[in-house]
Amino acid sequence: MKKMMLPVAVAAISAAMSQSALAETWRMALGDAQGGTQYAMGEKFAQLIHEKTDGQISVDLFPNGQLGSEQDTVSSTSMDMLDLSVLAINNITPFSPTVGVLTLPYVITGPEDAKVLTQGAIGEELTENTIRDAGVRILSWAYSGCRVLSNSSKPVASPDDLRGLTIRVPRNEIMIASYQEWGVNPLPMAWSETFTALQQGVVDGQDNPYITINAMKFYEVQDYITDICYVFSLEPLIMSEAKFQRLSPDMQELVLEAGRETTAYSYEYLLDTEETIKQSLVEEHGMQIIEPSNDEQEWIERATRIWPRFYDSIGGEERLEAALQALGRDLN
């Protein structure tokens, strides 16, 4: 009996050693702190890919910019020095400008618009473009919500109320131009520097979704929120294309499948959590939410003037027209 069991035991040990040799741990960079959309997305993808590969792939999460700024992580991922990164869409636009169609002001006006554009033909095209332009592949999309405006100085209902305020923006030409149309010269600043700048009064305000304001504890240094929706915050999960191509076809499909399921999860996560977070910001943290005057018309009319300036960078006027048509709207 012992002699018969020996080959079985050896085979089991050999299989276990072989499985261990195949196991990999991927690193995922996150710009935001734990508790936000990015972290929820990262956790879900890590769970799914571990399950789908029977433990062959694990993912370690590095939140709060531990592995560099969001734009730095695009470069690192492109050069195959980093496996995965989750970042705000505006931080990939400098590397793949056509993605900028999703950050033009007032193109996306809510979650459903975001879902239509990212999960349809336009999203597929932009994914191919980022592979071509930046050497990274968009595996999944997180939906963080509208970038609302927060500040520490006064209630802001109209663009004219911004006078005298210094507003932090990402280093993104489209977002900078939007604020300039509202009569403000914003201060471009790295995400990792933003909380300290708000705390020290270097800037008065910034814009980000409710979920991010809560995760980053901006309520500690901000008092007012203006409920605008000039940009909808999308946060793609990107992967090194070089690494993706080294995977077997079967493994590639598992990675893509995990990405699709994470996208669906992220959409529901936003719908399930945003209202509760808004309520918490007001009731628990004392923030005041101001509705934009005149149904946001002044904000919209001024900001959309910049659209023609960016036609060339996004790949032509027809690209914006196609996005609007997908949403059931016209360019004019």
Protein backbone atom coordinates (compact mmCIF):
# COMPACT_ATOMS: atom_id res chain seq x y z
CA MET A 1 0.00 0.00 0.00
CA LYS A 2 2.79 2.42 0.90
CA LYS A 3 4.56 1.68 -2.39
CA MET A 4 1.36 2.40 -4.33
CA MET A 5 0.78 5.71 -2.55
CA LEU A 6 4.30 7.00 -3.21
CA PRO A 7 3.85 7.86 -6.93
CA VAL A 8 0.55 9.64 -6.13
CA ALA A 9 2.20 11.69 -3.40
CA VAL A 10 5.13 12.58 -5.65
CA ALA A 11 2.74 13.60 -8.43
CA ALA A 12 0.76 15.80 -6.03
CA ILE A 13 3.91 17.49 -4.75
CA SER A 14 5.17 17.98 -8.30
CA ALA A 15 1.86 19.55 -9.37
CA ALA A 16 1.90 21.85 -6.38
CA MET A 17 5.48 22.91 -7.13
CA SER A 18 4.59 23.48 -10.77
CA GLN A 19 1.58 25.58 -9.77
CA SER A 20 3.77 27.60 -7.39
CA ALA A 21 6.34 28.19 -10.11
CA LEU A 22 3.64 29.60 -12.38
CA ALA A 23 2.22 31.91 -9.71
CA GLU A 24 2.72 35.63 -10.20
CA THR A 25 2.01 38.72 -8.13
CA TRP A 26 1.15 41.85 -10.07
CA ARG A 27 1.50 45.36 -8.68
CA MET A 28 -1.37 47.83 -9.12
CA ALA A 29 -0.85 51.56 -8.55
CA LEU A 30 -3.74 53.68 -7.27
CA GLY A 31 -3.69 57.46 -7.12
CA ASP A 32 -6.45 57.69 -4.49
CA ALA A 33 -6.60 56.59 -0.89
CA GLN A 34 -8.30 53.45 0.35
CA GLY A 35 -12.08 53.88 0.52
CA GLY A 36 -12.68 55.42 -2.91
CA THR A 37 -13.77 54.16 -6.31
CA GLN A 38 -10.25 53.32 -7.39
CA TYR A 39 -9.63 51.07 -4.41
CA ALA A 40 -13.01 49.36 -4.79
CA MET A 41 -12.20 48.68 -8.42
CA GLY A 42 -8.72 47.41 -7.60
CA GLU A 43 -10.01 45.05 -4.93
CA LYS A 44 -12.68 43.65 -7.25
CA PHE A 45 -10.27 43.05 -10.12
CA ALA A 46 -7.75 41.43 -7.77
CA GLN A 47 -10.44 39.11 -6.42
CA LEU A 48 -11.72 38.15 -9.85
CA ILE A 49 -8.34 37.50 -11.46
CA HIS A 50 -7.23 35.39 -8.48
CA GLU A 51 -10.39 33.29 -8.73
CA LYS A 52 -10.36 32.96 -12.52
CA THR A 53 -6.71 31.87 -12.64
CA ASP A 54 -7.06 29.43 -9.71
CA GLY A 55 -4.61 31.48 -7.71
CA GLN A 56 -1.94 31.71 -10.41
CA ILE A 57 -2.19 35.51 -10.38
CA SER A 58 -2.44 37.69 -7.29
CA VAL A 59 -2.59 41.48 -7.28
CA ASP A 60 -1.09 43.76 -4.63
CA LEU A 61 -2.64 47.23 -4.35
CA PHE A 62 -0.56 50.37 -3.69
CA PRO A 63 -2.95 53.26 -2.94
CA ASN A 64 -2.31 56.94 -2.31
CA GLY A 65 0.27 57.41 -5.05
CA GLN A 66 2.84 55.13 -3.42
CA LEU A 67 4.24 54.16 -6.82
CA GLY A 68 4.29 57.69 -8.25
CA SER A 69 1.91 60.25 -9.66
CA GLU A 70 -0.86 59.00 -11.91
CA GLN A 71 0.90 60.27 -15.03
CA ASP A 72 4.15 58.69 -13.84
CA THR A 73 2.40 55.34 -13.55
CA VAL A 74 1.25 55.58 -17.18
CA SER A 75 4.90 55.89 -18.20
CA SER A 76 5.95 53.05 -15.90
CA THR A 77 3.20 50.79 -17.21
CA SER A 78 4.02 51.68 -20.80
CA MET A 79 7.66 50.75 -20.23
CA ASP A 80 6.62 47.42 -18.65
CA MET A 81 8.02 48.47 -15.26
CA LEU A 82 4.57 48.34 -13.65
CA ASP A 83 1.81 45.81 -14.25
CA LEU A 84 -1.37 47.77 -13.59
CA SER A 85 -2.54 51.26 -12.70
CA VAL A 86 -5.88 52.93 -11.98
CA LEU A 87 -5.97 56.62 -12.74
CA ALA A 88 -8.24 59.51 -13.64
CA ILE A 89 -8.98 59.64 -17.38
CA ASN A 90 -7.50 63.13 -17.70
CA ASN A 91 -4.10 61.72 -16.72
CA ILE A 92 -3.97 59.35 -19.68
CA THR A 93 -5.10 62.01 -22.18
CA PRO A 94 -1.60 63.53 -22.56
CA PHE A 95 -0.37 60.11 -23.72
CA SER A 96 -3.34 59.28 -25.96
CA PRO A 97 -5.06 62.56 -26.89
CA THR A 98 -8.15 61.05 -28.56
CA VAL A 99 -9.30 59.92 -25.12
CA GLY A 100 -9.83 63.63 -24.47
CA VAL A 101 -13.24 63.40 -26.11
CA LEU A 102 -14.43 61.91 -22.80
CA THR A 103 -13.12 64.90 -20.84
CA LEU A 104 -14.58 67.69 -22.97
CA PRO A 105 -16.89 69.69 -20.69
CA TYR A 106 -20.53 68.65 -20.67
CA VAL A 107 -20.19 65.77 -23.12
CA ILE A 108 -20.90 63.23 -20.37
CA THR A 109 -23.63 64.48 -18.05
CA GLY A 110 -24.22 61.45 -15.85
CA PRO A 111 -23.56 57.74 -15.26
CA GLU A 112 -25.71 56.48 -18.12
CA ASP A 113 -23.85 58.66 -20.65
CA ALA A 114 -20.56 57.36 -19.28
CA LYS A 115 -21.71 53.75 -19.58
CA VAL A 116 -22.86 54.20 -23.19
CA LEU A 117 -19.57 55.73 -24.33
CA THR A 118 -17.14 53.47 -22.48
CA GLN A 119 -18.90 50.16 -23.07
CA GLY A 120 -19.76 50.76 -26.72
CA ALA A 121 -17.91 51.20 -30.00
CA ILE A 122 -16.32 54.47 -28.90
CA GLY A 123 -14.82 52.87 -25.81
CA GLU A 124 -13.42 50.02 -27.93
CA GLU A 125 -11.82 52.50 -30.33
CA LEU A 126 -10.27 54.52 -27.50
CA THR A 127 -8.86 51.33 -26.01
CA GLU A 128 -7.16 50.52 -29.32
CA ASN A 129 -5.84 54.07 -29.49
CA THR A 130 -4.24 53.86 -26.05
CA ILE A 131 -2.50 50.64 -27.04
CA ARG A 132 -1.16 52.36 -30.17
CA ASP A 133 -0.28 55.70 -28.56
CA ALA A 134 0.78 54.80 -25.04
CA GLY A 135 1.60 51.09 -24.99
CA VAL A 136 -1.05 50.41 -22.36
CA ARG A 137 -4.36 48.57 -22.57
CA ILE A 138 -7.55 49.72 -20.84
CA LEU A 139 -8.92 46.61 -19.14
CA SER A 140 -11.74 48.17 -17.17
CA TRP A 141 -13.52 51.42 -16.37
CA ALA A 142 -14.42 52.80 -12.96
CA TYR A 143 -17.23 55.35 -12.74
CA SER A 144 -16.61 57.89 -10.00
CA GLY A 145 -19.29 60.46 -10.78
CA CYS A 146 -19.45 64.13 -11.70
CA ARG A 147 -16.49 66.33 -10.78
CA VAL A 148 -18.17 68.77 -8.42
CA LEU A 149 -16.42 71.93 -7.27
CA SER A 150 -15.38 72.33 -3.63
CA ASN A 151 -13.85 75.34 -1.89
CA SER A 152 -13.09 76.69 1.56
CA SER A 153 -14.06 80.34 1.08
CA LYS A 154 -17.68 80.93 0.05
CA PRO A 155 -20.78 79.48 -1.60
CA VAL A 156 -20.37 79.41 -5.38
CA ALA A 157 -23.48 79.25 -7.55
CA SER A 158 -22.35 80.89 -10.81
CA PRO A 159 -19.04 81.22 -12.65
CA ASP A 160 -18.88 84.85 -11.56
CA ASP A 161 -18.74 83.67 -7.94
CA LEU A 162 -15.34 82.13 -8.70
CA ARG A 163 -13.69 85.53 -8.81
CA GLY A 164 -10.93 85.82 -6.26
CA LEU A 165 -10.60 82.06 -5.78
CA THR A 166 -7.58 79.94 -6.66
CA ILE A 167 -8.68 76.53 -7.93
CA ARG A 168 -6.44 73.50 -8.29
CA VAL A 169 -6.84 71.52 -11.51
CA PRO A 170 -4.95 68.55 -12.97
CA ARG A 171 -2.32 69.24 -15.60
CA ASN A 172 -4.89 68.83 -18.33
CA GLU A 173 -5.35 71.44 -21.05
CA ILE A 174 -9.07 70.83 -21.51
CA MET A 175 -9.86 71.30 -17.81
CA ILE A 176 -7.61 74.36 -17.57
CA ALA A 177 -9.38 75.91 -20.57
CA SER A 178 -12.80 75.27 -18.99
CA TYR A 179 -11.90 77.29 -15.91
CA GLN A 180 -10.43 80.05 -18.01
CA GLU A 181 -13.79 80.38 -19.78
CA TRP A 182 -15.34 80.79 -16.35
CA GLY A 183 -12.99 83.70 -15.67
CA VAL A 184 -10.45 81.86 -13.51
CA ASN A 185 -6.77 81.14 -14.07
CA PRO A 186 -6.57 77.78 -12.30
CA LEU A 187 -3.42 76.37 -10.75
CA PRO A 188 -2.32 73.05 -12.31
CA MET A 189 -1.01 70.78 -9.58
CA ALA A 190 -0.13 67.13 -9.06
CA TRP A 191 -2.77 65.10 -7.28
CA SER A 192 -0.37 64.09 -4.51
CA GLU A 193 0.14 67.76 -3.57
CA THR A 194 -3.53 68.74 -3.51
CA PHE A 195 -4.58 68.02 0.08
CA THR A 196 -1.57 69.87 1.51
CA ALA A 197 -2.17 72.82 -0.82
CA LEU A 198 -5.79 73.04 0.34
CA GLN A 199 -4.77 72.68 3.97
CA GLN A 200 -2.17 75.45 3.72
CA GLY A 201 -4.36 77.78 1.71
CA VAL A 202 -2.17 77.69 -1.39
CA VAL A 203 -5.41 76.97 -3.27
CA ASP A 204 -9.00 77.61 -2.20
CA GLY A 205 -10.67 74.77 -4.02
CA GLN A 206 -10.59 71.84 -6.41
CA ASP A 207 -13.00 69.61 -8.29
CA ASN A 208 -13.56 65.89 -7.88
CA PRO A 209 -16.47 63.46 -7.43
CA TYR A 210 -18.24 63.14 -4.09
CA ILE A 211 -16.71 59.71 -3.58
CA THR A 212 -13.19 61.11 -3.97
CA ILE A 213 -13.88 64.11 -1.72
CA ASN A 214 -14.94 61.66 0.96
CA ALA A 215 -12.11 59.16 0.44
CA MET A 216 -9.46 61.89 0.51
CA LYS A 217 -11.08 63.56 3.56
CA PHE A 218 -11.30 66.90 1.80
CA TYR A 219 -14.11 67.75 4.18
CA GLU A 220 -11.38 68.52 6.69
CA VAL A 221 -10.18 71.45 4.58
CA GLN A 222 -13.24 72.36 2.43
CA ASP A 223 -16.62 73.77 3.42
CA TYR A 224 -18.65 74.25 0.22
CA ILE A 225 -19.54 72.05 -2.75
CA THR A 226 -21.08 73.34 -5.99
CA ASP A 227 -23.08 70.53 -7.60
CA ILE A 228 -21.89 71.00 -11.19
CA CYS A 229 -21.18 68.22 -13.69
CA TYR A 230 -18.79 69.68 -16.22
CA VAL A 231 -16.68 66.51 -16.39
CA PHE A 232 -17.68 62.98 -15.40
CA SER A 233 -14.78 61.24 -13.70
CA LEU A 234 -13.81 58.01 -15.42
CA GLU A 235 -10.92 56.02 -14.02
CA PRO A 236 -9.57 53.34 -16.32
CA LEU A 237 -7.59 50.35 -15.16
CA ILE A 238 -4.62 50.06 -17.51
CA MET A 239 -2.18 47.22 -18.07
CA SER A 240 1.20 47.06 -19.75
CA GLU A 241 0.49 45.93 -23.31
CA ALA A 242 3.88 44.22 -23.43
CA LYS A 243 2.91 42.15 -20.40
CA PHE A 244 -0.52 41.41 -21.84
CA GLN A 245 1.03 40.09 -25.05
CA ARG A 246 3.31 37.75 -23.09
CA LEU A 247 0.27 36.01 -21.61
CA SER A 248 -1.12 32.87 -23.21
CA PRO A 249 -4.34 33.37 -25.24
CA ASP A 250 -6.34 31.63 -22.52
CA MET A 251 -4.86 33.85 -19.83
CA GLN A 252 -5.49 36.96 -21.93
CA GLU A 253 -9.16 36.06 -22.15
CA LEU A 254 -9.37 35.57 -18.37
CA VAL A 255 -7.81 39.00 -17.83
CA LEU A 256 -10.24 40.65 -20.26
CA GLU A 257 -13.17 38.81 -18.67
CA ALA A 258 -12.14 40.01 -15.21
CA GLY A 259 -11.91 43.54 -16.62
CA ARG A 260 -15.43 43.42 -18.07
CA GLU A 261 -16.89 42.14 -14.82
CA THR A 262 -15.02 44.81 -12.86
CA THR A 263 -16.48 47.51 -15.12
CA ALA A 264 -20.01 46.27 -14.39
CA TYR A 265 -19.24 46.15 -10.68
CA SER A 266 -17.82 49.69 -10.69
CA TYR A 267 -20.95 51.11 -12.32
CA GLU A 268 -23.20 49.57 -9.69
CA TYR A 269 -20.80 50.67 -6.95
CA LEU A 270 -21.30 54.31 -7.94
CA LEU A 271 -25.08 54.01 -8.05
CA ASP A 272 -25.15 52.28 -4.67
CA THR A 273 -22.85 54.60 -2.76
CA GLU A 274 -22.95 58.19 -4.08
CA GLU A 275 -26.14 59.39 -2.40
CA THR A 276 -25.10 57.98 0.97
CA ILE A 277 -21.75 59.73 0.70
CA LYS A 278 -23.38 63.06 -0.22
CA GLN A 279 -25.59 62.77 2.83
CA SER A 280 -22.61 61.95 5.03
CA LEU A 281 -20.62 64.94 3.78
CA VAL A 282 -23.46 67.24 4.80
CA GLU A 283 -24.75 65.62 7.98
CA GLU A 284 -21.55 64.21 9.47
CA HIS A 285 -18.93 66.59 8.15
CA GLY A 286 -20.84 69.85 7.87
CA MET A 287 -20.27 70.59 4.20
CA GLN A 288 -22.78 72.75 2.35
CA ILE A 289 -23.96 71.72 -1.12
CA ILE A 290 -24.94 74.59 -3.43
CA GLU A 291 -27.04 74.09 -6.56
CA PRO A 292 -25.65 75.91 -9.61
CA SER A 293 -27.72 78.91 -10.65
CA ASN A 294 -30.04 78.83 -13.66
CA ASP A 295 -29.85 75.03 -14.00
CA GLU A 296 -26.12 75.30 -14.72
CA GLN A 297 -26.72 77.11 -18.02
CA GLU A 298 -24.01 79.75 -17.53
CA TRP A 299 -21.46 77.07 -16.70
CA ILE A 300 -22.46 75.03 -19.76
CA GLU A 301 -22.57 77.89 -22.25
CA ARG A 302 -19.14 79.22 -21.30
CA ALA A 303 -17.34 75.89 -20.98
CA THR A 304 -18.58 74.36 -24.25
CA ARG A 305 -17.06 77.29 -26.16
CA ILE A 306 -13.73 75.49 -25.88
CA TRP A 307 -14.84 72.43 -27.86
CA PRO A 308 -13.51 73.62 -31.26
CA ARG A 309 -10.05 74.30 -29.77
CA PHE A 310 -9.59 70.61 -29.11
CA TYR A 311 -11.02 69.07 -32.28
CA ASP A 312 -7.55 68.38 -33.67
CA SER A 313 -6.26 66.73 -30.50
CA ILE A 314 -9.24 64.40 -30.11
CA GLY A 315 -9.06 63.29 -33.73
CA GLY A 316 -11.43 65.72 -35.41
CA GLU A 317 -14.84 67.27 -34.95
CA GLU A 318 -16.41 64.08 -36.23
CA ARG A 319 -15.19 62.20 -33.14
CA LEU A 320 -17.11 64.53 -30.84
CA GLU A 321 -20.09 64.36 -33.17
CA ALA A 322 -20.05 60.55 -33.01
CA ALA A 323 -19.91 60.62 -29.21
CA LEU A 324 -22.86 62.99 -29.00
CA GLN A 325 -24.85 60.96 -31.51
CA ALA A 326 -24.26 57.84 -29.43
CA LEU A 327 -25.87 59.79 -26.58
CA GLY A 328 -28.81 60.90 -28.73
CA ARG A 329 -27.62 64.51 -29.03
CA ASP A 330 -26.45 66.78 -31.84
CA LEU A 331 -23.27 68.82 -32.05
CA ASN A 332 -25.16 72.06 -32.78
